[in-house]
PDB file of N, CA and C in Angstrom:
ATOM      1  N   UNK A   1     -15.570 -10.415 -15.430  1.00  0.00           N
ATOM      2  CA  UNK A   1     -14.981 -10.199 -14.114  1.00  0.00           C
ATOM      3  C   UNK A   1     -15.878 -10.766 -13.027  1.00  0.00           C
ATOM      4  N   UNK A   2     -15.280 -11.231 -11.945  1.00  0.00           N
ATOM      5  CA  UNK A   2     -16.042 -11.737 -10.808  1.00  0.00           C
ATOM      6  C   UNK A   2     -16.603 -10.606  -9.973  1.00  0.00           C
ATOM      7  N   UNK A   3     -17.575 -10.927  -9.185  1.00  0.00           N
ATOM      8  CA  UNK A   3     -18.177  -9.909  -8.332  1.00  0.00           C
ATOM      9  C   UNK A   3     -17.364  -9.751  -7.056  1.00  0.00           C
ATOM     10  N   UNK A   4     -17.272  -8.521  -6.592  1.00  0.00           N
ATOM     11  CA  UNK A   4     -16.531  -8.218  -5.371  1.00  0.00           C
ATOM     12  C   UNK A   4     -17.452  -8.332  -4.169  1.00  0.00           C
ATOM     13  N   UNK A   5     -16.879  -8.739  -3.036  1.00  0.00           N
ATOM     14  CA  UNK A   5     -17.645  -8.793  -1.794  1.00  0.00           C
ATOM     15  C   UNK A   5     -17.606  -7.467  -1.047  1.00  0.00           C
ATOM     16  N   UNK A   6     -16.868  -6.482  -1.589  1.00  0.00           N
ATOM     17  CA  UNK A   6     -16.744  -5.183  -0.926  1.00  0.00           C
ATOM     18  C   UNK A   6     -17.994  -4.355  -1.152  1.00  0.00           C
ATOM     19  N   UNK A   7     -18.327  -3.518  -0.168  1.00  0.00           N
ATOM     20  CA  UNK A   7     -19.452  -2.613  -0.366  1.00  0.00           C
ATOM     21  C   UNK A   7     -19.117  -1.579  -1.439  1.00  0.00           C
ATOM     22  N   UNK A   8     -20.135  -1.108  -2.143  1.00  0.00           N
ATOM     23  CA  UNK A   8     -19.926  -0.065  -3.148  1.00  0.00           C
ATOM     24  C   UNK A   8     -19.560   1.236  -2.437  1.00  0.00           C
ATOM     25  N   UNK A   9     -18.661   1.990  -3.015  1.00  0.00           N
ATOM     26  CA  UNK A   9     -18.245   3.252  -2.416  1.00  0.00           C
ATOM     27  C   UNK A   9     -16.915   3.695  -2.985  1.00  0.00           C
ATOM     28  N   UNK A  10     -16.234   4.574  -2.287  1.00  0.00           N
ATOM     29  CA  UNK A  10     -14.995   5.187  -2.740  1.00  0.00           C
ATOM     30  C   UNK A  10     -13.870   4.755  -1.806  1.00  0.00           C
ATOM     31  N   UNK A  11     -13.011   3.894  -2.320  1.00  0.00           N
ATOM     32  CA  UNK A  11     -11.992   3.200  -1.527  1.00  0.00           C
ATOM     33  C   UNK A  11     -10.692   3.988  -1.461  1.00  0.00           C
ATOM     34  N   UNK A  12     -10.113   4.005  -0.262  1.00  0.00           N
ATOM     35  CA  UNK A  12      -8.800   4.610  -0.037  1.00  0.00           C
ATOM     36  C   UNK A  12      -7.858   3.570   0.545  1.00  0.00           C
ATOM     37  N   UNK A  13      -6.615   3.607   0.099  1.00  0.00           N
ATOM     38  CA  UNK A  13      -5.536   2.869   0.742  1.00  0.00           C
ATOM     39  C   UNK A  13      -5.014   3.773   1.850  1.00  0.00           C
ATOM     40  N   UNK A  14      -4.732   3.207   3.020  1.00  0.00           N
ATOM     41  CA  UNK A  14      -4.174   3.982   4.127  1.00  0.00           C
ATOM     42  C   UNK A  14      -2.949   3.240   4.649  1.00  0.00           C
ATOM     43  N   UNK A  15      -1.776   3.857   4.499  1.00  0.00           N
ATOM     44  CA  UNK A  15      -0.538   3.258   4.973  1.00  0.00           C
ATOM     45  C   UNK A  15      -0.002   4.018   6.172  1.00  0.00           C
ATOM     46  N   UNK A  16       0.800   3.349   6.967  1.00  0.00           N
ATOM     47  CA  UNK A  16       1.428   3.993   8.118  1.00  0.00           C
ATOM     48  C   UNK A  16       0.541   4.130   9.336  1.00  0.00           C
ATOM     49  N   UNK A  17      -0.541   3.357   9.396  1.00  0.00           N
ATOM     50  CA  UNK A  17      -1.420   3.466  10.563  1.00  0.00           C
ATOM     51  C   UNK A  17      -0.743   2.832  11.779  1.00  0.00           C
ATOM     52  N   UNK A  18      -1.087   3.285  12.964  1.00  0.00           N
ATOM     53  CA  UNK A  18      -0.480   2.715  14.167  1.00  0.00           C
ATOM     54  C   UNK A  18      -0.672   1.196  14.225  1.00  0.00           C
ATOM     55  N   UNK A  19       0.364   0.507  14.675  1.00  0.00           N
ATOM     56  CA  UNK A  19       0.336  -0.957  14.725  1.00  0.00           C
ATOM     57  C   UNK A  19      -0.821  -1.484  15.564  1.00  0.00           C
ATOM     58  N   UNK A  20      -1.220  -0.744  16.589  1.00  0.00           N
ATOM     59  CA  UNK A  20      -2.273  -1.243  17.491  1.00  0.00           C
ATOM     60  C   UNK A  20      -3.690  -0.963  16.973  1.00  0.00           C
ATOM     61  N   UNK A  21      -3.821  -0.232  15.866  1.00  0.00           N
ATOM     62  CA  UNK A  21      -5.149   0.122  15.361  1.00  0.00           C
ATOM     63  C   UNK A  21      -5.949  -1.113  14.949  1.00  0.00           C
ATOM     64  N   UNK A  22      -7.233  -1.081  15.334  1.00  0.00           N
ATOM     65  CA  UNK A  22      -8.192  -2.103  14.910  1.00  0.00           C
ATOM     66  C   UNK A  22      -9.039  -1.519  13.777  1.00  0.00           C
ATOM     67  N   UNK A  23      -9.900  -2.336  13.198  1.00  0.00           N
ATOM     68  CA  UNK A  23     -10.830  -1.847  12.183  1.00  0.00           C
ATOM     69  C   UNK A  23     -11.641  -0.680  12.739  1.00  0.00           C
ATOM     70  N   UNK A  24     -12.105  -0.814  13.969  1.00  0.00           N
ATOM     71  CA  UNK A  24     -12.935   0.227  14.581  1.00  0.00           C
ATOM     72  C   UNK A  24     -12.147   1.520  14.804  1.00  0.00           C
ATOM     73  N   UNK A  25     -10.883   1.418  15.217  1.00  0.00           N
ATOM     74  CA  UNK A  25     -10.049   2.616  15.376  1.00  0.00           C
ATOM     75  C   UNK A  25      -9.897   3.339  14.044  1.00  0.00           C
ATOM     76  N   UNK A  26      -9.651   2.572  12.988  1.00  0.00           N
ATOM     77  CA  UNK A  26      -9.486   3.150  11.656  1.00  0.00           C
ATOM     78  C   UNK A  26     -10.777   3.832  11.215  1.00  0.00           C
ATOM     79  N   UNK A  27     -11.899   3.159  11.421  1.00  0.00           N
ATOM     80  CA  UNK A  27     -13.213   3.729  11.064  1.00  0.00           C
ATOM     81  C   UNK A  27     -13.457   5.032  11.829  1.00  0.00           C
ATOM     82  N   UNK A  28     -13.203   5.002  13.111  1.00  0.00           N
ATOM     83  CA  UNK A  28     -13.443   6.179  13.947  1.00  0.00           C
ATOM     84  C   UNK A  28     -12.595   7.368  13.490  1.00  0.00           C
ATOM     85  N   UNK A  29     -11.321   7.123  13.213  1.00  0.00           N
ATOM     86  CA  UNK A  29     -10.436   8.216  12.806  1.00  0.00           C
ATOM     87  C   UNK A  29     -10.867   8.810  11.466  1.00  0.00           C
ATOM     88  N   UNK A  30     -11.214   7.979  10.500  1.00  0.00           N
ATOM     89  CA  UNK A  30     -11.557   8.465   9.169  1.00  0.00           C
ATOM     90  C   UNK A  30     -12.996   8.954   9.061  1.00  0.00           C
ATOM     91  N   UNK A  31     -13.858   8.600   9.998  1.00  0.00           N
ATOM     92  CA  UNK A  31     -15.250   9.048   9.931  1.00  0.00           C
ATOM     93  C   UNK A  31     -15.399  10.544  10.237  1.00  0.00           C
ATOM     94  N   UNK A  32     -14.318  11.191  10.663  1.00  0.00           N
ATOM     95  CA  UNK A  32     -14.350  12.648  10.849  1.00  0.00           C
ATOM     96  C   UNK A  32     -14.635  13.363   9.533  1.00  0.00           C
ATOM     97  N   UNK A  33     -14.389  12.691   8.418  1.00  0.00           N
ATOM     98  CA  UNK A  33     -14.478  13.333   7.106  1.00  0.00           C
ATOM     99  C   UNK A  33     -15.656  12.848   6.275  1.00  0.00           C
ATOM    100  N   UNK A  34     -16.479  11.988   6.830  1.00  0.00           N
ATOM    101  CA  UNK A  34     -17.658  11.540   6.112  1.00  0.00           C
ATOM    102  C   UNK A  34     -18.093  10.159   6.569  1.00  0.00           C
ATOM    103  N   UNK A  35     -19.141   9.649   5.924  1.00  0.00           N
ATOM    104  CA  UNK A  35     -19.700   8.351   6.281  1.00  0.00           C
ATOM    105  C   UNK A  35     -18.819   7.225   5.755  1.00  0.00           C
ATOM    106  N   UNK A  36     -18.184   6.502   6.682  1.00  0.00           N
ATOM    107  CA  UNK A  36     -17.327   5.370   6.332  1.00  0.00           C
ATOM    108  C   UNK A  36     -18.200   4.126   6.282  1.00  0.00           C
ATOM    109  N   UNK A  37     -18.217   3.480   5.119  1.00  0.00           N
ATOM    110  CA  UNK A  37     -18.992   2.255   4.930  1.00  0.00           C
ATOM    111  C   UNK A  37     -18.230   1.063   5.497  1.00  0.00           C
ATOM    112  N   UNK A  38     -16.909   1.086   5.310  1.00  0.00           N
ATOM    113  CA  UNK A  38     -16.082  -0.046   5.728  1.00  0.00           C
ATOM    114  C   UNK A  38     -14.669   0.449   6.047  1.00  0.00           C
ATOM    115  N   UNK A  39     -14.056  -0.140   7.053  1.00  0.00           N
ATOM    116  CA  UNK A  39     -12.660   0.148   7.400  1.00  0.00           C
ATOM    117  C   UNK A  39     -12.015  -1.169   7.805  1.00  0.00           C
ATOM    118  N   UNK A  40     -10.919  -1.515   7.132  1.00  0.00           N
ATOM    119  CA  UNK A  40     -10.267  -2.790   7.395  1.00  0.00           C
ATOM    120  C   UNK A  40      -8.763  -2.622   7.533  1.00  0.00           C
ATOM    121  N   UNK A  41      -8.240  -3.013   8.689  1.00  0.00           N
ATOM    122  CA  UNK A  41      -6.800  -3.073   8.916  1.00  0.00           C
ATOM    123  C   UNK A  41      -6.347  -4.437   8.410  1.00  0.00           C
ATOM    124  N   UNK A  42      -5.312  -4.454   7.585  1.00  0.00           N
ATOM    125  CA  UNK A  42      -4.802  -5.703   7.042  1.00  0.00           C
ATOM    126  C   UNK A  42      -3.859  -6.338   8.069  1.00  0.00           C
ATOM    127  N   UNK A  43      -4.078  -7.616   8.341  1.00  0.00           N
ATOM    128  CA  UNK A  43      -3.283  -8.324   9.344  1.00  0.00           C
ATOM    129  C   UNK A  43      -2.535  -9.489   8.697  1.00  0.00           C
ATOM    130  N   UNK A  44      -1.435  -9.881   9.347  1.00  0.00           N
ATOM    131  CA  UNK A  44      -0.682 -11.061   8.909  1.00  0.00           C
ATOM    132  C   UNK A  44      -1.589 -12.277   9.044  1.00  0.00           C
ATOM    133  N   UNK A  45      -1.523 -13.169   8.069  1.00  0.00           N
ATOM    134  CA  UNK A  45      -2.403 -14.344   8.101  1.00  0.00           C
ATOM    135  C   UNK A  45      -1.712 -15.603   8.599  1.00  0.00           C
ATOM    136  N   UNK A  46      -0.393 -15.663   8.448  1.00  0.00           N
ATOM    137  CA  UNK A  46       0.330 -16.872   8.860  1.00  0.00           C
ATOM    138  C   UNK A  46       1.615 -16.504   9.577  1.00  0.00           C
ATOM    139  N   UNK A  47       2.198 -17.507  10.201  1.00  0.00           N
ATOM    140  CA  UNK A  47       3.492 -17.320  10.836  1.00  0.00           C
ATOM    141  C   UNK A  47       3.388 -16.783  12.248  1.00  0.00           C
ATOM    142  N   UNK A  48       4.553 -16.421  12.774  1.00  0.00           N
ATOM    143  CA  UNK A  48       4.614 -15.979  14.168  1.00  0.00           C
ATOM    144  C   UNK A  48       3.886 -14.666  14.423  1.00  0.00           C
ATOM    145  N   UNK A  49       3.636 -13.878  13.371  1.00  0.00           N
ATOM    146  CA  UNK A  49       2.945 -12.596  13.530  1.00  0.00           C
ATOM    147  C   UNK A  49       1.486 -12.656  13.090  1.00  0.00           C
ATOM    148  N   UNK A  50       0.947 -13.840  12.932  1.00  0.00           N
ATOM    149  CA  UNK A  50      -0.448 -13.996  12.499  1.00  0.00           C
ATOM    150  C   UNK A  50      -1.376 -13.208  13.417  1.00  0.00           C
ATOM    151  N   UNK A  51      -2.283 -12.471  12.806  1.00  0.00           N
ATOM    152  CA  UNK A  51      -3.247 -11.671  13.559  1.00  0.00           C
ATOM    153  C   UNK A  51      -2.766 -10.273  13.901  1.00  0.00           C
ATOM    154  N   UNK A  52      -1.498  -9.974  13.655  1.00  0.00           N
ATOM    155  CA  UNK A  52      -0.942  -8.642  13.944  1.00  0.00           C
ATOM    156  C   UNK A  52      -1.092  -7.744  12.724  1.00  0.00           C
ATOM    157  N   UNK A  53      -1.306  -6.464  12.974  1.00  0.00           N
ATOM    158  CA  UNK A  53      -1.463  -5.481  11.911  1.00  0.00           C
ATOM    159  C   UNK A  53      -0.215  -5.408  11.032  1.00  0.00           C
ATOM    160  N   UNK A  54      -0.426  -5.195   9.735  1.00  0.00           N
ATOM    161  CA  UNK A  54       0.676  -4.979   8.804  1.00  0.00           C
ATOM    162  C   UNK A  54       0.948  -3.489   8.624  1.00  0.00           C
ATOM    163  N   UNK A  55       0.192  -2.636   9.343  1.00  0.00           N
ATOM    164  CA  UNK A  55       0.428  -1.193   9.305  1.00  0.00           C
ATOM    165  C   UNK A  55      -0.269  -0.463   8.170  1.00  0.00           C
ATOM    166  N   UNK A  56      -1.181  -1.151   7.501  1.00  0.00           N
ATOM    167  CA  UNK A  56      -1.958  -0.486   6.451  1.00  0.00           C
ATOM    168  C   UNK A  56      -3.353  -1.089   6.392  1.00  0.00           C
ATOM    169  N   UNK A  57      -4.222  -0.409   5.669  1.00  0.00           N
ATOM    170  CA  UNK A  57      -5.591  -0.888   5.544  1.00  0.00           C
ATOM    171  C   UNK A  57      -6.329  -0.143   4.459  1.00  0.00           C
ATOM    172  N   UNK A  58      -7.634  -0.337   4.435  1.00  0.00           N
ATOM    173  CA  UNK A  58      -8.492   0.288   3.431  1.00  0.00           C
ATOM    174  C   UNK A  58      -9.723   0.874   4.111  1.00  0.00           C
ATOM    175  N   UNK A  59     -10.128   2.032   3.622  1.00  0.00           N
ATOM    176  CA  UNK A  59     -11.331   2.706   4.110  1.00  0.00           C
ATOM    177  C   UNK A  59     -12.214   2.952   2.895  1.00  0.00           C
ATOM    178  N   UNK A  60     -13.500   2.679   3.033  1.00  0.00           N
ATOM    179  CA  UNK A  60     -14.443   2.942   1.947  1.00  0.00           C
ATOM    180  C   UNK A  60     -15.464   3.963   2.425  1.00  0.00           C
ATOM    181  N   UNK A  61     -15.534   5.064   1.687  1.00  0.00           N
ATOM    182  CA  UNK A  61     -16.490   6.139   1.970  1.00  0.00           C
ATOM    183  C   UNK A  61     -17.717   5.997   1.092  1.00  0.00           C
ATOM    184  N   UNK A  62     -18.824   6.486   1.607  1.00  0.00           N
ATOM    185  CA  UNK A  62     -20.069   6.501   0.840  1.00  0.00           C
ATOM    186  C   UNK A  62     -19.991   7.513  -0.307  1.00  0.00           C
ATOM    187  N   UNK A  63     -19.375   8.664  -0.046  1.00  0.00           N
ATOM    188  CA  UNK A  63     -19.347   9.747  -1.043  1.00  0.00           C
ATOM    189  C   UNK A  63     -17.922  10.045  -1.513  1.00  0.00           C
ATOM    190  N   UNK A  64     -17.785  10.279  -2.803  1.00  0.00           N
ATOM    191  CA  UNK A  64     -16.490  10.606  -3.401  1.00  0.00           C
ATOM    192  C   UNK A  64     -15.887  11.853  -2.765  1.00  0.00           C
ATOM    193  N   UNK A  65     -16.705  12.870  -2.523  1.00  0.00           N
ATOM    194  CA  UNK A  65     -16.222  14.126  -1.953  1.00  0.00           C
ATOM    195  C   UNK A  65     -15.583  13.910  -0.588  1.00  0.00           C
ATOM    196  N   UNK A  66     -16.175  13.018   0.211  1.00  0.00           N
ATOM    197  CA  UNK A  66     -15.634  12.725   1.540  1.00  0.00           C
ATOM    198  C   UNK A  66     -14.289  12.015   1.441  1.00  0.00           C
ATOM    199  N   UNK A  67     -14.181  11.087   0.494  1.00  0.00           N
ATOM    200  CA  UNK A  67     -12.906  10.377   0.317  1.00  0.00           C
ATOM    201  C   UNK A  67     -11.814  11.350  -0.119  1.00  0.00           C
ATOM    202  N   UNK A  68     -12.168  12.278  -0.986  1.00  0.00           N
ATOM    203  CA  UNK A  68     -11.191  13.270  -1.446  1.00  0.00           C
ATOM    204  C   UNK A  68     -10.770  14.216  -0.331  1.00  0.00           C
ATOM    205  N   UNK A  69     -11.696  14.583   0.534  1.00  0.00           N
ATOM    206  CA  UNK A  69     -11.379  15.438   1.682  1.00  0.00           C
ATOM    207  C   UNK A  69     -10.448  14.701   2.651  1.00  0.00           C
ATOM    208  N   UNK A  70     -10.720  13.425   2.889  1.00  0.00           N
ATOM    209  CA  UNK A  70      -9.863  12.639   3.778  1.00  0.00           C
ATOM    210  C   UNK A  70      -8.441  12.565   3.228  1.00  0.00           C
ATOM    211  N   UNK A  71      -8.305  12.354   1.929  1.00  0.00           N
ATOM    212  CA  UNK A  71      -6.966  12.325   1.317  1.00  0.00           C
ATOM    213  C   UNK A  71      -6.299  13.679   1.504  1.00  0.00           C
ATOM    214  N   UNK A  72      -7.021  14.742   1.207  1.00  0.00           N
ATOM    215  CA  UNK A  72      -6.462  16.092   1.290  1.00  0.00           C
ATOM    216  C   UNK A  72      -5.957  16.397   2.698  1.00  0.00           C
ATOM    217  N   UNK A  73      -6.724  16.031   3.695  1.00  0.00           N
ATOM    218  CA  UNK A  73      -6.384  16.373   5.077  1.00  0.00           C
ATOM    219  C   UNK A  73      -5.393  15.381   5.698  1.00  0.00           C
ATOM    220  N   UNK A  74      -5.564  14.102   5.424  1.00  0.00           N
ATOM    221  CA  UNK A  74      -4.799  13.088   6.153  1.00  0.00           C
ATOM    222  C   UNK A  74      -3.516  12.610   5.485  1.00  0.00           C
ATOM    223  N   UNK A  75      -3.378  12.767   4.175  1.00  0.00           N
ATOM    224  CA  UNK A  75      -2.159  12.299   3.501  1.00  0.00           C
ATOM    225  C   UNK A  75      -0.956  13.065   4.053  1.00  0.00           C
ATOM    226  N   UNK A  76       0.034  12.328   4.505  1.00  0.00           N
ATOM    227  CA  UNK A  76       1.259  12.875   5.098  1.00  0.00           C
ATOM    228  C   UNK A  76       1.038  13.472   6.493  1.00  0.00           C
ATOM    229  N   UNK A  77      -0.115  13.213   7.109  1.00  0.00           N
ATOM    230  CA  UNK A  77      -0.338  13.660   8.496  1.00  0.00           C
ATOM    231  C   UNK A  77       0.219  12.593   9.434  1.00  0.00           C
ATOM    232  N   UNK A  78       0.135  12.841  10.741  1.00  0.00           N
ATOM    233  CA  UNK A  78       0.612  11.863  11.721  1.00  0.00           C
ATOM    234  C   UNK A  78      -0.526  11.393  12.609  1.00  0.00           C
ATOM    235  N   UNK A  79      -0.503  10.101  12.882  1.00  0.00           N
ATOM    236  CA  UNK A  79      -1.410   9.508  13.863  1.00  0.00           C
ATOM    237  C   UNK A  79      -0.522   8.758  14.845  1.00  0.00           C
ATOM    238  N   UNK A  80      -0.551   9.181  16.095  1.00  0.00           N
ATOM    239  CA  UNK A  80       0.233   8.546  17.149  1.00  0.00           C
ATOM    240  C   UNK A  80       1.701   8.370  16.739  1.00  0.00           C
ATOM    241  N   UNK A  81       2.257   9.436  16.143  1.00  0.00           N
ATOM    242  CA  UNK A  81       3.673   9.445  15.795  1.00  0.00           C
ATOM    243  C   UNK A  81       4.040   8.743  14.498  1.00  0.00           C
ATOM    244  N   UNK A  82       3.077   8.190  13.794  1.00  0.00           N
ATOM    245  CA  UNK A  82       3.352   7.521  12.511  1.00  0.00           C
ATOM    246  C   UNK A  82       2.817   8.369  11.371  1.00  0.00           C
ATOM    247  N   UNK A  83       3.609   8.534  10.320  1.00  0.00           N
ATOM    248  CA  UNK A  83       3.187   9.315   9.156  1.00  0.00           C
ATOM    249  C   UNK A  83       2.226   8.484   8.314  1.00  0.00           C
ATOM    250  N   UNK A  84       1.035   9.014   8.136  1.00  0.00           N
ATOM    251  CA  UNK A  84      -0.019   8.327   7.397  1.00  0.00           C
ATOM    252  C   UNK A  84       0.006   8.768   5.941  1.00  0.00           C
ATOM    253  N   UNK A  85      -0.190   7.810   5.075  1.00  0.00           N
ATOM    254  CA  UNK A  85      -0.320   8.094   3.656  1.00  0.00           C
ATOM    255  C   UNK A  85      -1.661   7.538   3.205  1.00  0.00           C
ATOM    256  N   UNK A  86      -2.400   8.323   2.447  1.00  0.00           N
ATOM    257  CA  UNK A  86      -3.688   7.842   1.965  1.00  0.00           C
ATOM    258  C   UNK A  86      -3.885   8.266   0.525  1.00  0.00           C
ATOM    259  N   UNK A  87      -4.445   7.357  -0.263  1.00  0.00           N
ATOM    260  CA  UNK A  87      -4.745   7.653  -1.663  1.00  0.00           C
ATOM    261  C   UNK A  87      -5.719   6.624  -2.202  1.00  0.00           C
ATOM    262  N   UNK A  88      -6.241   6.908  -3.381  1.00  0.00           N
ATOM    263  CA  UNK A  88      -7.111   5.964  -4.070  1.00  0.00           C
ATOM    264  C   UNK A  88      -6.220   4.840  -4.589  1.00  0.00           C
ATOM    265  N   UNK A  89      -6.607   3.588  -4.419  1.00  0.00           N
ATOM    266  CA  UNK A  89      -5.749   2.471  -4.830  1.00  0.00           C
ATOM    267  C   UNK A  89      -5.359   2.495  -6.298  1.00  0.00           C
ATOM    268  N   UNK A  90      -6.160   3.090  -7.158  1.00  0.00           N
ATOM    269  CA  UNK A  90      -5.833   3.120  -8.581  1.00  0.00           C
ATOM    270  C   UNK A  90      -4.994   4.337  -8.968  1.00  0.00           C
ATOM    271  N   UNK A  91      -4.550   5.113  -7.983  1.00  0.00           N
ATOM    272  CA  UNK A  91      -3.772   6.321  -8.237  1.00  0.00           C
ATOM    273  C   UNK A  91      -2.301   5.961  -8.443  1.00  0.00           C
ATOM    274  N   UNK A  92      -1.819   6.102  -9.646  1.00  0.00           N
ATOM    275  CA  UNK A  92      -0.450   5.720  -9.973  1.00  0.00           C
ATOM    276  C   UNK A  92       0.562   6.686  -9.383  1.00  0.00           C
ATOM    277  N   UNK A  93       0.261   7.986  -9.399  1.00  0.00           N
ATOM    278  CA  UNK A  93       1.247   8.976  -8.992  1.00  0.00           C
ATOM    279  C   UNK A  93       1.618   8.928  -7.514  1.00  0.00           C
ATOM    280  N   UNK A  94       0.813   8.323  -6.664  1.00  0.00           N
ATOM    281  CA  UNK A  94       1.122   8.301  -5.246  1.00  0.00           C
ATOM    282  C   UNK A  94       1.562   6.930  -4.744  1.00  0.00           C
ATOM    283  N   UNK A  95       1.687   5.953  -5.632  1.00  0.00           N
ATOM    284  CA  UNK A  95       2.066   4.624  -5.167  1.00  0.00           C
ATOM    285  C   UNK A  95       3.528   4.589  -4.763  1.00  0.00           C
ATOM    286  N   UNK A  96       3.855   3.697  -3.847  1.00  0.00           N
ATOM    287  CA  UNK A  96       5.220   3.620  -3.347  1.00  0.00           C
ATOM    288  C   UNK A  96       6.120   2.885  -4.331  1.00  0.00           C
ATOM    289  N   UNK A  97       7.387   3.292  -4.379  1.00  0.00           N
ATOM    290  CA  UNK A  97       8.339   2.598  -5.249  1.00  0.00           C
ATOM    291  C   UNK A  97       8.486   1.152  -4.798  1.00  0.00           C
ATOM    292  N   UNK A  98       8.538   0.239  -5.744  1.00  0.00           N
ATOM    293  CA  UNK A  98       8.747  -1.158  -5.427  1.00  0.00           C
ATOM    294  C   UNK A  98       7.489  -1.900  -5.026  1.00  0.00           C
ATOM    295  N   UNK A  99       6.366  -1.214  -4.959  1.00  0.00           N
ATOM    296  CA  UNK A  99       5.122  -1.883  -4.577  1.00  0.00           C
ATOM    297  C   UNK A  99       4.654  -2.793  -5.705  1.00  0.00           C
ATOM    298  N   UNK A 100       3.997  -3.901  -5.368  1.00  0.00           N
ATOM    299  CA  UNK A 100       3.481  -4.818  -6.367  1.00  0.00           C
ATOM    300  C   UNK A 100       2.126  -4.311  -6.828  1.00  0.00           C
ATOM    301  N   UNK A 101       2.058  -3.914  -8.099  1.00  0.00           N
ATOM    302  CA  UNK A 101       0.821  -3.366  -8.650  1.00  0.00           C
ATOM    303  C   UNK A 101       0.152  -4.345  -9.601  1.00  0.00           C
ATOM    304  N   UNK A 102       0.517  -5.613  -9.527  1.00  0.00           N
ATOM    305  CA  UNK A 102      -0.011  -6.593 -10.456  1.00  0.00           C
ATOM    306  C   UNK A 102      -1.439  -7.001 -10.151  1.00  0.00           C
ATOM    307  N   UNK A 103      -1.903  -6.757  -8.930  1.00  0.00           N
ATOM    308  CA  UNK A 103      -3.256  -7.138  -8.562  1.00  0.00           C
ATOM    309  C   UNK A 103      -4.147  -5.912  -8.483  1.00  0.00           C
ATOM    310  N   UNK A 104      -5.315  -6.022  -9.047  1.00  0.00           N
ATOM    311  CA  UNK A 104      -6.266  -4.920  -9.018  1.00  0.00           C
ATOM    312  C   UNK A 104      -6.901  -4.813  -7.647  1.00  0.00           C
ATOM    313  N   UNK A 105      -7.200  -3.587  -7.211  1.00  0.00           N
ATOM    314  CA  UNK A 105      -7.871  -3.372  -5.929  1.00  0.00           C
ATOM    315  C   UNK A 105      -9.352  -3.178  -6.115  1.00  0.00           C
ATOM    316  N   UNK A 106      -9.847  -3.334  -7.341  1.00  0.00           N
ATOM    317  CA  UNK A 106     -11.278  -3.124  -7.603  1.00  0.00           C
ATOM    318  C   UNK A 106     -12.109  -4.271  -7.163  1.00  0.00           C
TER     319      UNK A 106
END
């Protein structure tokens, strides 16, 4: 396997984040539950919406316990009127129907 450029830690998928959220907004919101190593809002790369948020991202915590607390508290909560969903990317039971699971998030 190739080496990942991601920092080591405990990664969460976060869906339903506000469209205007930046990486820093995501980090700030999730840092209430522990030390966030990395927070990335996924943006469109091409086309007329290039650079705009796709409404989801990833947060990496330093400690497993903190990532689990964030999931417990934030999954199905609301941020600025949008229902947030958060889980570990390798968690099969919480993935959305129809999602493409062919690529590993590791």
